[in-house]
Amino acid sequence: MRRTITAVLGTLAVSAASVGLWAVPASASDVYQGSDWATHAYDGTWFDYCDGEDDNHSVWGGYYTTSSSAYQTSSPVNGYCGTEFVDGVLTNLRMVEDNPASSTNYYGAWHGYPVAGS
């Protein structure tokens, strides 16, 4: 009887751990470039983005969607936040920050496919 209870408890612990490993934290939808950030809707149809540094550098979201293979960008913001509603569903999203001292911008890491559901 003791072995049966121990086996059942062990199985439950392994099952609970497996579920915990597959749980997606809330921060999984966030992307950053320094302190500038974007977070997308669970369904991947829109995202919010903010200039978190207030350093007089414009920031915007760069993204791809299911409706187009072209790279797209949101409107730049400087010192505040914006919201971008997209055609289709986001497949990739990253933050971009203007680098006024260079022709090269600062690019955050991609949050990749599938964006929706994560």
PDB file of N, CA and C in Angstrom:
ATOM      1  N   MET A   1       0.827  -1.194   0.000  1.00  0.00           N
ATOM      2  CA  MET A   1       0.000   0.000   0.000  1.00  0.00           C
ATOM      3  C   MET A   1       0.873   1.260   0.000  1.00  0.00           C
ATOM      4  N   ARG A   2       1.911   1.258   0.827  1.00  0.00           N
ATOM      5  CA  ARG A   2       2.804   2.411   0.903  1.00  0.00           C
ATOM      6  C   ARG A   2       3.494   2.635  -0.446  1.00  0.00           C
ATOM      7  N   ARG A   3       3.909   1.550  -1.104  1.00  0.00           N
ATOM      8  CA  ARG A   3       4.557   1.683  -2.412  1.00  0.00           C
ATOM      9  C   ARG A   3       3.591   2.234  -3.452  1.00  0.00           C
ATOM     10  N   THR A   4       2.337   1.811  -3.395  1.00  0.00           N
ATOM     11  CA  THR A   4       1.337   2.300  -4.337  1.00  0.00           C
ATOM     12  C   THR A   4       1.121   3.799  -4.157  1.00  0.00           C
ATOM     13  N   ILE A   5       0.998   4.245  -2.921  1.00  0.00           N
ATOM     14  CA  ILE A   5       0.807   5.673  -2.645  1.00  0.00           C
ATOM     15  C   ILE A   5       2.028   6.464  -3.109  1.00  0.00           C
ATOM     16  N   THR A   6       3.217   5.947  -2.824  1.00  0.00           N
ATOM     17  CA  THR A   6       4.450   6.617  -3.246  1.00  0.00           C
ATOM     18  C   THR A   6       4.524   6.705  -4.768  1.00  0.00           C
ATOM     19  N   ALA A   7       4.153   5.629  -5.450  1.00  0.00           N
ATOM     20  CA  ALA A   7       4.185   5.622  -6.914  1.00  0.00           C
ATOM     21  C   ALA A   7       3.186   6.623  -7.486  1.00  0.00           C
ATOM     22  N   VAL A   8       1.990   6.665  -6.908  1.00  0.00           N
ATOM     23  CA  VAL A   8       0.965   7.599  -7.381  1.00  0.00           C
ATOM     24  C   VAL A   8       1.416   9.040  -7.155  1.00  0.00           C
ATOM     25  N   LEU A   9       1.961   9.332  -5.978  1.00  0.00           N
ATOM     26  CA  LEU A   9       2.441  10.683  -5.687  1.00  0.00           C
ATOM     27  C   LEU A   9       3.595  11.066  -6.612  1.00  0.00           C
ATOM     28  N   GLY A  10       4.471  10.120  -6.889  1.00  0.00           N
ATOM     29  CA  GLY A  10       5.580  10.379  -7.809  1.00  0.00           C
ATOM     30  C   GLY A  10       5.086  10.689  -9.206  1.00  0.00           C
ATOM     31  N   THR A  11       4.087   9.939  -9.663  1.00  0.00           N
ATOM     32  CA  THR A  11       3.506  10.176 -10.982  1.00  0.00           C
ATOM     33  C   THR A  11       2.847  11.546 -11.048  1.00  0.00           C
ATOM     34  N   LEU A  12       2.127  11.914  -9.994  1.00  0.00           N
ATOM     35  CA  LEU A  12       1.496  13.229  -9.953  1.00  0.00           C
ATOM     36  C   LEU A  12       2.533  14.345  -9.966  1.00  0.00           C
ATOM     37  N   ALA A  13       3.628  14.161  -9.247  1.00  0.00           N
ATOM     38  CA  ALA A  13       4.688  15.178  -9.208  1.00  0.00           C
ATOM     39  C   ALA A  13       5.319  15.352 -10.582  1.00  0.00           C
ATOM     40  N   VAL A  14       5.576  14.245 -11.280  1.00  0.00           N
ATOM     41  CA  VAL A  14       6.151  14.320 -12.619  1.00  0.00           C
ATOM     42  C   VAL A  14       5.168  14.992 -13.572  1.00  0.00           C
ATOM     43  N   SER A  15       3.883  14.652 -13.478  1.00  0.00           N
ATOM     44  CA  SER A  15       2.867  15.267 -14.332  1.00  0.00           C
ATOM     45  C   SER A  15       2.772  16.764 -14.073  1.00  0.00           C
ATOM     46  N   ALA A  16       2.790  17.165 -12.812  1.00  0.00           N
ATOM     47  CA  ALA A  16       2.717  18.585 -12.463  1.00  0.00           C
ATOM     48  C   ALA A  16       3.939  19.331 -12.980  1.00  0.00           C
ATOM     49  N   ALA A  17       5.098  18.703 -12.883  1.00  0.00           N
ATOM     50  CA  ALA A  17       6.324  19.337 -13.384  1.00  0.00           C
ATOM     51  C   ALA A  17       6.257  19.501 -14.896  1.00  0.00           C
ATOM     52  N   SER A  18       5.708  18.506 -15.586  1.00  0.00           N
ATOM     53  CA  SER A  18       5.588  18.598 -17.041  1.00  0.00           C
ATOM     54  C   SER A  18       4.673  19.739 -17.442  1.00  0.00           C
ATOM     55  N   VAL A  19       3.562  19.876 -16.737  1.00  0.00           N
ATOM     56  CA  VAL A  19       2.643  20.971 -17.022  1.00  0.00           C
ATOM     57  C   VAL A  19       3.334  22.298 -16.755  1.00  0.00           C
ATOM     58  N   GLY A  20       4.077  22.399 -15.677  1.00  0.00           N
ATOM     59  CA  GLY A  20       4.795  23.630 -15.347  1.00  0.00           C
ATOM     60  C   GLY A  20       5.825  23.995 -16.389  1.00  0.00           C
ATOM     61  N   LEU A  21       6.467  23.013 -16.982  1.00  0.00           N
ATOM     62  CA  LEU A  21       7.469  23.290 -18.001  1.00  0.00           C
ATOM     63  C   LEU A  21       6.849  23.856 -19.267  1.00  0.00           C
ATOM     64  N   TRP A  22       5.613  23.472 -19.550  1.00  0.00           N
ATOM     65  CA  TRP A  22       4.967  23.942 -20.769  1.00  0.00           C
ATOM     66  C   TRP A  22       4.184  25.231 -20.565  1.00  0.00           C
ATOM     67  N   ALA A  23       4.012  25.666 -19.313  1.00  0.00           N
ATOM     68  CA  ALA A  23       3.294  26.915 -19.066  1.00  0.00           C
ATOM     69  C   ALA A  23       4.115  28.081 -19.613  1.00  0.00           C
ATOM     70  N   VAL A  24       3.442  29.024 -20.231  1.00  0.00           N
ATOM     71  CA  VAL A  24       4.130  30.171 -20.822  1.00  0.00           C
ATOM     72  C   VAL A  24       4.014  31.351 -19.870  1.00  0.00           C
ATOM     73  N   PRO A  25       5.130  31.929 -19.445  1.00  0.00           N
ATOM     74  CA  PRO A  25       5.045  33.080 -18.553  1.00  0.00           C
ATOM     75  C   PRO A  25       4.470  34.286 -19.283  1.00  0.00           C
ATOM     76  N   ALA A  26       3.887  35.201 -18.524  1.00  0.00           N
ATOM     77  CA  ALA A  26       3.272  36.385 -19.120  1.00  0.00           C
ATOM     78  C   ALA A  26       4.276  37.208 -19.905  1.00  0.00           C
ATOM     79  N   SER A  27       5.529  37.183 -19.494  1.00  0.00           N
ATOM     80  CA  SER A  27       6.545  37.998 -20.154  1.00  0.00           C
ATOM     81  C   SER A  27       6.974  37.433 -21.507  1.00  0.00           C
ATOM     82  N   ALA A  28       6.482  36.285 -21.897  1.00  0.00           N
ATOM     83  CA  ALA A  28       6.891  35.684 -23.170  1.00  0.00           C
ATOM     84  C   ALA A  28       6.464  36.525 -24.361  1.00  0.00           C
ATOM     85  N   SER A  29       5.478  37.402 -24.174  1.00  0.00           N
ATOM     86  CA  SER A  29       5.013  38.228 -25.287  1.00  0.00           C
ATOM     87  C   SER A  29       5.762  39.552 -25.385  1.00  0.00           C
ATOM     88  N   ASP A  30       6.715  39.804 -24.496  1.00  0.00           N
ATOM     89  CA  ASP A  30       7.442  41.069 -24.480  1.00  0.00           C
ATOM     90  C   ASP A  30       8.726  40.984 -25.292  1.00  0.00           C
ATOM     91  N   VAL A  31       9.033  42.071 -26.000  1.00  0.00           N
ATOM     92  CA  VAL A  31      10.309  42.211 -26.697  1.00  0.00           C
ATOM     93  C   VAL A  31      10.912  43.548 -26.293  1.00  0.00           C
ATOM     94  N   TYR A  32      12.234  43.605 -26.287  1.00  0.00           N
ATOM     95  CA  TYR A  32      12.925  44.794 -25.798  1.00  0.00           C
ATOM     96  C   TYR A  32      14.029  45.237 -26.739  1.00  0.00           C
ATOM     97  N   GLN A  33      14.332  46.523 -26.680  1.00  0.00           N
ATOM     98  CA  GLN A  33      15.558  47.107 -27.205  1.00  0.00           C
ATOM     99  C   GLN A  33      15.984  48.070 -26.105  1.00  0.00           C
ATOM    100  N   GLY A  34      16.942  47.640 -25.277  1.00  0.00           N
ATOM    101  CA  GLY A  34      17.268  48.409 -24.080  1.00  0.00           C
ATOM    102  C   GLY A  34      16.061  48.404 -23.162  1.00  0.00           C
ATOM    103  N   SER A  35      15.604  49.590 -22.757  1.00  0.00           N
ATOM    104  CA  SER A  35      14.401  49.695 -21.920  1.00  0.00           C
ATOM    105  C   SER A  35      13.151  50.002 -22.738  1.00  0.00           C
ATOM    106  N   ASP A  36      13.288  50.116 -24.036  1.00  0.00           N
ATOM    107  CA  ASP A  36      12.130  50.281 -24.919  1.00  0.00           C
ATOM    108  C   ASP A  36      11.508  48.897 -25.110  1.00  0.00           C
ATOM    109  N   TRP A  37      10.187  48.832 -25.180  1.00  0.00           N
ATOM    110  CA  TRP A  37       9.565  47.512 -25.205  1.00  0.00           C
ATOM    111  C   TRP A  37       8.290  47.498 -26.052  1.00  0.00           C
ATOM    112  N   ALA A  38       7.912  46.286 -26.412  1.00  0.00           N
ATOM    113  CA  ALA A  38       6.627  46.034 -27.069  1.00  0.00           C
ATOM    114  C   ALA A  38       6.050  44.761 -26.476  1.00  0.00           C
ATOM    115  N   THR A  39       4.753  44.710 -26.394  1.00  0.00           N
ATOM    116  CA  THR A  39       4.060  43.501 -25.952  1.00  0.00           C
ATOM    117  C   THR A  39       2.858  43.302 -26.871  1.00  0.00           C
ATOM    118  N   HIS A  40       2.628  42.070 -27.282  1.00  0.00           N
ATOM    119  CA  HIS A  40       1.560  41.825 -28.254  1.00  0.00           C
ATOM    120  C   HIS A  40       0.365  41.130 -27.629  1.00  0.00           C
ATOM    121  N   ALA A  41      -0.767  41.257 -28.291  1.00  0.00           N
ATOM    122  CA  ALA A  41      -1.983  40.566 -27.882  1.00  0.00           C
ATOM    123  C   ALA A  41      -1.786  39.065 -28.027  1.00  0.00           C
ATOM    124  N   TYR A  42      -2.480  38.315 -27.206  1.00  0.00           N
ATOM    125  CA  TYR A  42      -2.382  36.855 -27.244  1.00  0.00           C
ATOM    126  C   TYR A  42      -2.744  36.313 -28.624  1.00  0.00           C
ATOM    127  N   ASP A  43      -3.707  36.955 -29.289  1.00  0.00           N
ATOM    128  CA  ASP A  43      -4.120  36.469 -30.614  1.00  0.00           C
ATOM    129  C   ASP A  43      -3.246  37.004 -31.749  1.00  0.00           C
ATOM    130  N   GLY A  44      -2.261  37.860 -31.429  1.00  0.00           N
ATOM    131  CA  GLY A  44      -1.314  38.335 -32.429  1.00  0.00           C
ATOM    132  C   GLY A  44      -1.863  39.351 -33.413  1.00  0.00           C
ATOM    133  N   THR A  45      -2.978  40.023 -33.080  1.00  0.00           N
ATOM    134  CA  THR A  45      -3.578  40.972 -34.016  1.00  0.00           C
ATOM    135  C   THR A  45      -3.207  42.429 -33.734  1.00  0.00           C
ATOM    136  N   TRP A  46      -2.537  42.700 -32.637  1.00  0.00           N
ATOM    137  CA  TRP A  46      -2.092  44.061 -32.314  1.00  0.00           C
ATOM    138  C   TRP A  46      -0.964  43.991 -31.303  1.00  0.00           C
ATOM    139  N   PHE A  47      -0.248  45.109 -31.154  1.00  0.00           N
ATOM    140  CA  PHE A  47       0.776  45.206 -30.123  1.00  0.00           C
ATOM    141  C   PHE A  47       0.912  46.643 -29.639  1.00  0.00           C
ATOM    142  N   ASP A  48       1.290  46.777 -28.383  1.00  0.00           N
ATOM    143  CA  ASP A  48       1.636  48.063 -27.784  1.00  0.00           C
ATOM    144  C   ASP A  48       3.143  48.181 -27.783  1.00  0.00           C
ATOM    145  N   TYR A  49       3.655  49.390 -27.924  1.00  0.00           N
ATOM    146  CA  TYR A  49       5.100  49.613 -27.892  1.00  0.00           C
ATOM    147  C   TYR A  49       5.372  50.955 -27.225  1.00  0.00           C
ATOM    148  N   CYS A  50       6.474  51.027 -26.482  1.00  0.00           N
ATOM    149  CA  CYS A  50       6.762  52.219 -25.684  1.00  0.00           C
ATOM    150  C   CYS A  50       8.231  52.595 -25.716  1.00  0.00           C
ATOM    151  N   ASP A  51       8.458  53.895 -25.667  1.00  0.00           N
ATOM    152  CA  ASP A  51       9.794  54.446 -25.488  1.00  0.00           C
ATOM    153  C   ASP A  51      10.043  54.476 -23.986  1.00  0.00           C
ATOM    154  N   GLY A  52      10.724  53.468 -23.483  1.00  0.00           N
ATOM    155  CA  GLY A  52      10.971  53.352 -22.050  1.00  0.00           C
ATOM    156  C   GLY A  52      12.197  54.104 -21.582  1.00  0.00           C
ATOM    157  N   GLU A  53      12.954  54.680 -22.490  1.00  0.00           N
ATOM    158  CA  GLU A  53      14.200  55.353 -22.113  1.00  0.00           C
ATOM    159  C   GLU A  53      14.067  56.872 -22.105  1.00  0.00           C
ATOM    160  N   ASP A  54      13.105  57.403 -22.858  1.00  0.00           N
ATOM    161  CA  ASP A  54      12.905  58.846 -22.938  1.00  0.00           C
ATOM    162  C   ASP A  54      14.231  59.569 -23.178  1.00  0.00           C
ATOM    163  N   ASP A  55      14.989  59.077 -24.167  1.00  0.00           N
ATOM    164  CA  ASP A  55      16.328  59.596 -24.462  1.00  0.00           C
ATOM    165  C   ASP A  55      16.368  60.400 -25.764  1.00  0.00           C
ATOM    166  N   ASN A  56      15.191  60.807 -26.231  1.00  0.00           N
ATOM    167  CA  ASN A  56      15.058  61.567 -27.465  1.00  0.00           C
ATOM    168  C   ASN A  56      15.436  60.751 -28.703  1.00  0.00           C
ATOM    169  N   HIS A  57      15.334  59.425 -28.600  1.00  0.00           N
ATOM    170  CA  HIS A  57      15.502  58.534 -29.749  1.00  0.00           C
ATOM    171  C   HIS A  57      14.132  57.934 -30.057  1.00  0.00           C
ATOM    172  N   SER A  58      13.684  58.041 -31.281  1.00  0.00           N
ATOM    173  CA  SER A  58      12.408  57.441 -31.673  1.00  0.00           C
ATOM    174  C   SER A  58      12.513  55.920 -31.656  1.00  0.00           C
ATOM    175  N   VAL A  59      11.402  55.262 -31.340  1.00  0.00           N
ATOM    176  CA  VAL A  59      11.343  53.799 -31.345  1.00  0.00           C
ATOM    177  C   VAL A  59      10.098  53.358 -32.097  1.00  0.00           C
ATOM    178  N   TRP A  60      10.134  52.134 -32.625  1.00  0.00           N
ATOM    179  CA  TRP A  60       8.987  51.574 -33.325  1.00  0.00           C
ATOM    180  C   TRP A  60       9.092  50.058 -33.317  1.00  0.00           C
ATOM    181  N   GLY A  61       7.986  49.425 -33.637  1.00  0.00           N
ATOM    182  CA  GLY A  61       7.975  47.974 -33.768  1.00  0.00           C
ATOM    183  C   GLY A  61       8.211  47.581 -35.213  1.00  0.00           C
ATOM    184  N   GLY A  62       9.068  46.599 -35.422  1.00  0.00           N
ATOM    185  CA  GLY A  62       9.263  46.007 -36.736  1.00  0.00           C
ATOM    186  C   GLY A  62       8.621  44.633 -36.720  1.00  0.00           C
ATOM    187  N   TYR A  63       7.887  44.271 -37.767  1.00  0.00           N
ATOM    188  CA  TYR A  63       7.143  43.016 -37.699  1.00  0.00           C
ATOM    189  C   TYR A  63       6.838  42.424 -39.071  1.00  0.00           C
ATOM    190  N   TYR A  64       6.473  41.146 -39.028  1.00  0.00           N
ATOM    191  CA  TYR A  64       5.929  40.420 -40.175  1.00  0.00           C
ATOM    192  C   TYR A  64       4.577  39.856 -39.759  1.00  0.00           C
ATOM    193  N   THR A  65       3.678  39.678 -40.724  1.00  0.00           N
ATOM    194  CA  THR A  65       2.368  39.096 -40.451  1.00  0.00           C
ATOM    195  C   THR A  65       2.065  37.983 -41.447  1.00  0.00           C
ATOM    196  N   THR A  66       0.966  37.285 -41.180  1.00  0.00           N
ATOM    197  CA  THR A  66       0.524  36.221 -42.079  1.00  0.00           C
ATOM    198  C   THR A  66      -0.041  36.773 -43.384  1.00  0.00           C
ATOM    199  N   SER A  67      -0.382  38.060 -43.427  1.00  0.00           N
ATOM    200  CA  SER A  67      -0.993  38.622 -44.639  1.00  0.00           C
ATOM    201  C   SER A  67       0.019  39.186 -45.632  1.00  0.00           C
ATOM    202  N   SER A  68       1.306  39.254 -45.250  1.00  0.00           N
ATOM    203  CA  SER A  68       2.302  39.814 -46.156  1.00  0.00           C
ATOM    204  C   SER A  68       3.685  39.293 -45.793  1.00  0.00           C
ATOM    205  N   SER A  69       4.509  39.090 -46.809  1.00  0.00           N
ATOM    206  CA  SER A  69       5.888  38.669 -46.545  1.00  0.00           C
ATOM    207  C   SER A  69       6.814  39.876 -46.412  1.00  0.00           C
ATOM    208  N   ALA A  70       6.259  41.084 -46.546  1.00  0.00           N
ATOM    209  CA  ALA A  70       7.062  42.310 -46.456  1.00  0.00           C
ATOM    210  C   ALA A  70       7.293  42.705 -45.000  1.00  0.00           C
ATOM    211  N   TYR A  71       8.487  43.199 -44.709  1.00  0.00           N
ATOM    212  CA  TYR A  71       8.800  43.752 -43.390  1.00  0.00           C
ATOM    213  C   TYR A  71       7.994  45.036 -43.220  1.00  0.00           C
ATOM    214  N   GLN A  72       7.327  45.165 -42.071  1.00  0.00           N
ATOM    215  CA  GLN A  72       6.484  46.326 -41.806  1.00  0.00           C
ATOM    216  C   GLN A  72       6.919  46.991 -40.510  1.00  0.00           C
ATOM    217  N   THR A  73       6.572  48.272 -40.354  1.00  0.00           N
ATOM    218  CA  THR A  73       6.913  48.996 -39.129  1.00  0.00           C
ATOM    219  C   THR A  73       5.716  49.799 -38.647  1.00  0.00           C
ATOM    220  N   SER A  74       5.656  49.976 -37.338  1.00  0.00           N
ATOM    221  CA  SER A  74       4.645  50.843 -36.747  1.00  0.00           C
ATOM    222  C   SER A  74       5.118  52.290 -36.852  1.00  0.00           C
ATOM    223  N   SER A  75       4.248  53.223 -36.520  1.00  0.00           N
ATOM    224  CA  SER A  75       4.634  54.634 -36.497  1.00  0.00           C
ATOM    225  C   SER A  75       5.616  54.876 -35.359  1.00  0.00           C
ATOM    226  N   PRO A  76       6.641  55.688 -35.576  1.00  0.00           N
ATOM    227  CA  PRO A  76       7.610  55.961 -34.504  1.00  0.00           C
ATOM    228  C   PRO A  76       6.981  56.754 -33.356  1.00  0.00           C
ATOM    229  N   VAL A  77       7.446  56.487 -32.150  1.00  0.00           N
ATOM    230  CA  VAL A  77       7.067  57.269 -30.972  1.00  0.00           C
ATOM    231  C   VAL A  77       8.348  57.758 -30.303  1.00  0.00           C
ATOM    232  N   ASN A  78       8.236  58.856 -29.589  1.00  0.00           N
ATOM    233  CA  ASN A  78       9.391  59.411 -28.897  1.00  0.00           C
ATOM    234  C   ASN A  78       8.923  59.962 -27.555  1.00  0.00           C
ATOM    235  N   GLY A  79       9.176  59.210 -26.486  1.00  0.00           N
ATOM    236  CA  GLY A  79       8.789  59.635 -25.149  1.00  0.00           C
ATOM    237  C   GLY A  79       7.403  59.194 -24.731  1.00  0.00           C
ATOM    238  N   TYR A  80       6.740  58.378 -25.535  1.00  0.00           N
ATOM    239  CA  TYR A  80       5.414  57.889 -25.172  1.00  0.00           C
ATOM    240  C   TYR A  80       5.183  56.515 -25.792  1.00  0.00           C
ATOM    241  N   CYS A  81       3.935  56.043 -25.754  1.00  0.00           N
ATOM    242  CA  CYS A  81       3.599  54.701 -26.241  1.00  0.00           C
ATOM    243  C   CYS A  81       2.660  54.786 -27.442  1.00  0.00           C
ATOM    244  N   GLY A  82       2.562  53.701 -28.161  1.00  0.00           N
ATOM    245  CA  GLY A  82       1.641  53.596 -29.281  1.00  0.00           C
ATOM    246  C   GLY A  82       1.064  52.200 -29.356  1.00  0.00           C
ATOM    247  N   THR A  83       0.041  52.040 -30.168  1.00  0.00           N
ATOM    248  CA  THR A  83      -0.584  50.739 -30.422  1.00  0.00           C
ATOM    249  C   THR A  83      -0.677  50.540 -31.925  1.00  0.00           C
ATOM    250  N   GLU A  84      -0.328  49.354 -32.371  1.00  0.00           N
ATOM    251  CA  GLU A  84      -0.385  49.021 -33.799  1.00  0.00           C
ATOM    252  C   GLU A  84      -1.338  47.842 -33.993  1.00  0.00           C
ATOM    253  N   PHE A  85      -2.369  48.037 -34.811  1.00  0.00           N
ATOM    254  CA  PHE A  85      -3.270  46.957 -35.197  1.00  0.00           C
ATOM    255  C   PHE A  85      -2.795  46.461 -36.556  1.00  0.00           C
ATOM    256  N   VAL A  86      -2.617  45.161 -36.688  1.00  0.00           N
ATOM    257  CA  VAL A  86      -2.015  44.611 -37.902  1.00  0.00           C
ATOM    258  C   VAL A  86      -3.042  43.858 -38.740  1.00  0.00           C
ATOM    259  N   ASP A  87      -2.795  43.805 -40.042  1.00  0.00           N
ATOM    260  CA  ASP A  87      -3.583  42.954 -40.933  1.00  0.00           C
ATOM    261  C   ASP A  87      -3.045  41.539 -40.794  1.00  0.00           C
ATOM    262  N   GLY A  88      -3.919  40.584 -40.589  1.00  0.00           N
ATOM    263  CA  GLY A  88      -3.479  39.207 -40.378  1.00  0.00           C
ATOM    264  C   GLY A  88      -3.050  39.008 -38.935  1.00  0.00           C
ATOM    265  N   VAL A  89      -2.092  38.125 -38.744  1.00  0.00           N
ATOM    266  CA  VAL A  89      -1.586  37.776 -37.414  1.00  0.00           C
ATOM    267  C   VAL A  89      -0.076  37.945 -37.420  1.00  0.00           C
ATOM    268  N   LEU A  90       0.462  38.526 -36.352  1.00  0.00           N
ATOM    269  CA  LEU A  90       1.911  38.687 -36.239  1.00  0.00           C
ATOM    270  C   LEU A  90       2.619  37.346 -36.323  1.00  0.00           C
ATOM    271  N   THR A  91       3.702  37.305 -37.072  1.00  0.00           N
ATOM    272  CA  THR A  91       4.553  36.115 -37.078  1.00  0.00           C
ATOM    273  C   THR A  91       5.915  36.409 -36.465  1.00  0.00           C
ATOM    274  N   ASN A  92       6.369  37.653 -36.540  1.00  0.00           N
ATOM    275  CA  ASN A  92       7.628  38.071 -35.926  1.00  0.00           C
ATOM    276  C   ASN A  92       7.477  39.514 -35.457  1.00  0.00           C
ATOM    277  N   LEU A  93       8.103  39.834 -34.324  1.00  0.00           N
ATOM    278  CA  LEU A  93       8.029  41.184 -33.767  1.00  0.00           C
ATOM    279  C   LEU A  93       9.341  41.516 -33.081  1.00  0.00           C
ATOM    280  N   ARG A  94       9.813  42.749 -33.274  1.00  0.00           N
ATOM    281  CA  ARG A  94      10.989  43.234 -32.553  1.00  0.00           C
ATOM    282  C   ARG A  94      10.868  44.746 -32.370  1.00  0.00           C
ATOM    283  N   MET A  95      11.624  45.268 -31.418  1.00  0.00           N
ATOM    284  CA  MET A  95      11.699  46.710 -31.198  1.00  0.00           C
ATOM    285  C   MET A  95      12.902  47.264 -31.941  1.00  0.00           C
ATOM    286  N   VAL A  96      12.743  48.469 -32.465  1.00  0.00           N
ATOM    287  CA  VAL A  96      13.823  49.159 -33.165  1.00  0.00           C
ATOM    288  C   VAL A  96      13.939  50.560 -32.563  1.00  0.00           C
ATOM    289  N   GLU A  97      15.178  51.002 -32.346  1.00  0.00           N
ATOM    290  CA  GLU A  97      15.432  52.340 -31.816  1.00  0.00           C
ATOM    291  C   GLU A  97      16.333  53.099 -32.780  1.00  0.00           C
ATOM    292  N   ASP A  98      15.953  54.341 -33.045  1.00  0.00           N
ATOM    293  CA  ASP A  98      16.755  55.201 -33.907  1.00  0.00           C
ATOM    294  C   ASP A  98      18.101  55.497 -33.248  1.00  0.00           C
ATOM    295  N   ASN A  99      19.145  55.453 -34.053  1.00  0.00           N
ATOM    296  CA  ASN A  99      20.480  55.843 -33.598  1.00  0.00           C
ATOM    297  C   ASN A  99      20.857  57.093 -34.387  1.00  0.00           C
ATOM    298  N   PRO A 100      20.612  58.285 -33.812  1.00  0.00           N
ATOM    299  CA  PRO A 100      20.842  59.519 -34.562  1.00  0.00           C
ATOM    300  C   PRO A 100      22.297  59.737 -34.981  1.00  0.00           C
ATOM    301  N   ALA A 101      23.231  59.088 -34.307  1.00  0.00           N
ATOM    302  CA  ALA A 101      24.652  59.272 -34.614  1.00  0.00           C
ATOM    303  C   ALA A 101      25.131  58.355 -35.737  1.00  0.00           C
ATOM    304  N   SER A 102      24.229  57.539 -36.277  1.00  0.00           N
ATOM    305  CA  SER A 102      24.651  56.552 -37.261  1.00  0.00           C
ATOM    306  C   SER A 102      23.512  56.272 -38.233  1.00  0.00           C
ATOM    307  N   SER A 103      23.844  55.689 -39.359  1.00  0.00           N
ATOM    308  CA  SER A 103      22.808  55.263 -40.302  1.00  0.00           C
ATOM    309  C   SER A 103      22.258  53.887 -39.933  1.00  0.00           C
ATOM    310  N   THR A 104      22.823  53.279 -38.904  1.00  0.00           N
ATOM    311  CA  THR A 104      22.379  51.969 -38.433  1.00  0.00           C
ATOM    312  C   THR A 104      21.570  52.134 -37.153  1.00  0.00           C
ATOM    313  N   ASN A 105      20.384  51.557 -37.122  1.00  0.00           N
ATOM    314  CA  ASN A 105      19.537  51.620 -35.932  1.00  0.00           C
ATOM    315  C   ASN A 105      19.939  50.555 -34.925  1.00  0.00           C
ATOM    316  N   TYR A 106      19.362  50.656 -33.726  1.00  0.00           N
ATOM    317  CA  TYR A 106      19.517  49.617 -32.709  1.00  0.00           C
ATOM    318  C   TYR A 106      18.340  48.656 -32.863  1.00  0.00           C
ATOM    319  N   TYR A 107      18.632  47.367 -32.980  1.00  0.00           N
ATOM    320  CA  TYR A 107      17.586  46.369 -33.183  1.00  0.00           C
ATOM    321  C   TYR A 107      17.516  45.410 -32.007  1.00  0.00           C
ATOM    322  N   GLY A 108      16.297  45.200 -31.492  1.00  0.00           N
ATOM    323  CA  GLY A 108      16.093  44.205 -30.459  1.00  0.00           C
ATOM    324  C   GLY A 108      15.960  42.826 -31.079  1.00  0.00           C
ATOM    325  N   ALA A 109      15.960  41.823 -30.226  1.00  0.00           N
ATOM    326  CA  ALA A 109      15.823  40.438 -30.689  1.00  0.00           C
ATOM    327  C   ALA A 109      14.403  40.190 -31.206  1.00  0.00           C
ATOM    328  N   TRP A 110      14.300  39.292 -32.171  1.00  0.00           N
ATOM    329  CA  TRP A 110      12.996  38.902 -32.700  1.00  0.00           C
ATOM    330  C   TRP A 110      12.260  38.023 -31.710  1.00  0.00           C
ATOM    331  N   HIS A 111      10.950  38.247 -31.607  1.00  0.00           N
ATOM    332  CA  HIS A 111      10.049  37.295 -30.955  1.00  0.00           C
ATOM    333  C   HIS A 111       9.377  36.596 -32.118  1.00  0.00           C
ATOM    334  N   GLY A 112       9.708  35.310 -32.321  1.00  0.00           N
ATOM    335  CA  GLY A 112       9.365  34.653 -33.567  1.00  0.00           C
ATOM    336  C   GLY A 112       8.106  33.829 -33.562  1.00  0.00           C
ATOM    337  N   TYR A 113       7.859  33.256 -34.707  1.00  0.00           N
ATOM    338  CA  TYR A 113       6.668  32.469 -35.009  1.00  0.00           C
ATOM    339  C   TYR A 113       6.527  31.270 -34.091  1.00  0.00           C
ATOM    340  N   PRO A 114       5.327  30.920 -33.655  1.00  0.00           N
ATOM    341  CA  PRO A 114       4.129  31.720 -33.854  1.00  0.00           C
ATOM    342  C   PRO A 114       3.978  32.744 -32.733  1.00  0.00           C
ATOM    343  N   VAL A 115       3.753  33.972 -33.052  1.00  0.00           N
ATOM    344  CA  VAL A 115       3.548  34.999 -32.039  1.00  0.00           C
ATOM    345  C   VAL A 115       2.220  34.765 -31.332  1.00  0.00           C
ATOM    346  N   ALA A 116       1.162  34.514 -32.090  1.00  0.00           N
ATOM    347  CA  ALA A 116      -0.145  34.285 -31.473  1.00  0.00           C
ATOM    348  C   ALA A 116      -0.090  33.050 -30.583  1.00  0.00           C
ATOM    349  N   GLY A 117      -0.701  33.152 -29.437  1.00  0.00           N
ATOM    350  CA  GLY A 117      -0.727  32.041 -28.492  1.00  0.00           C
ATOM    351  C   GLY A 117       0.472  32.001 -27.579  1.00  0.00           C
ATOM    352  N   SER A 118       1.325  32.996 -27.653  1.00  0.00           N
ATOM    353  CA  SER A 118       2.470  33.028 -26.733  1.00  0.00           C
ATOM    354  C   SER A 118       2.696  34.433 -26.226  1.00  0.00           C
TER     355      SER A 118
END
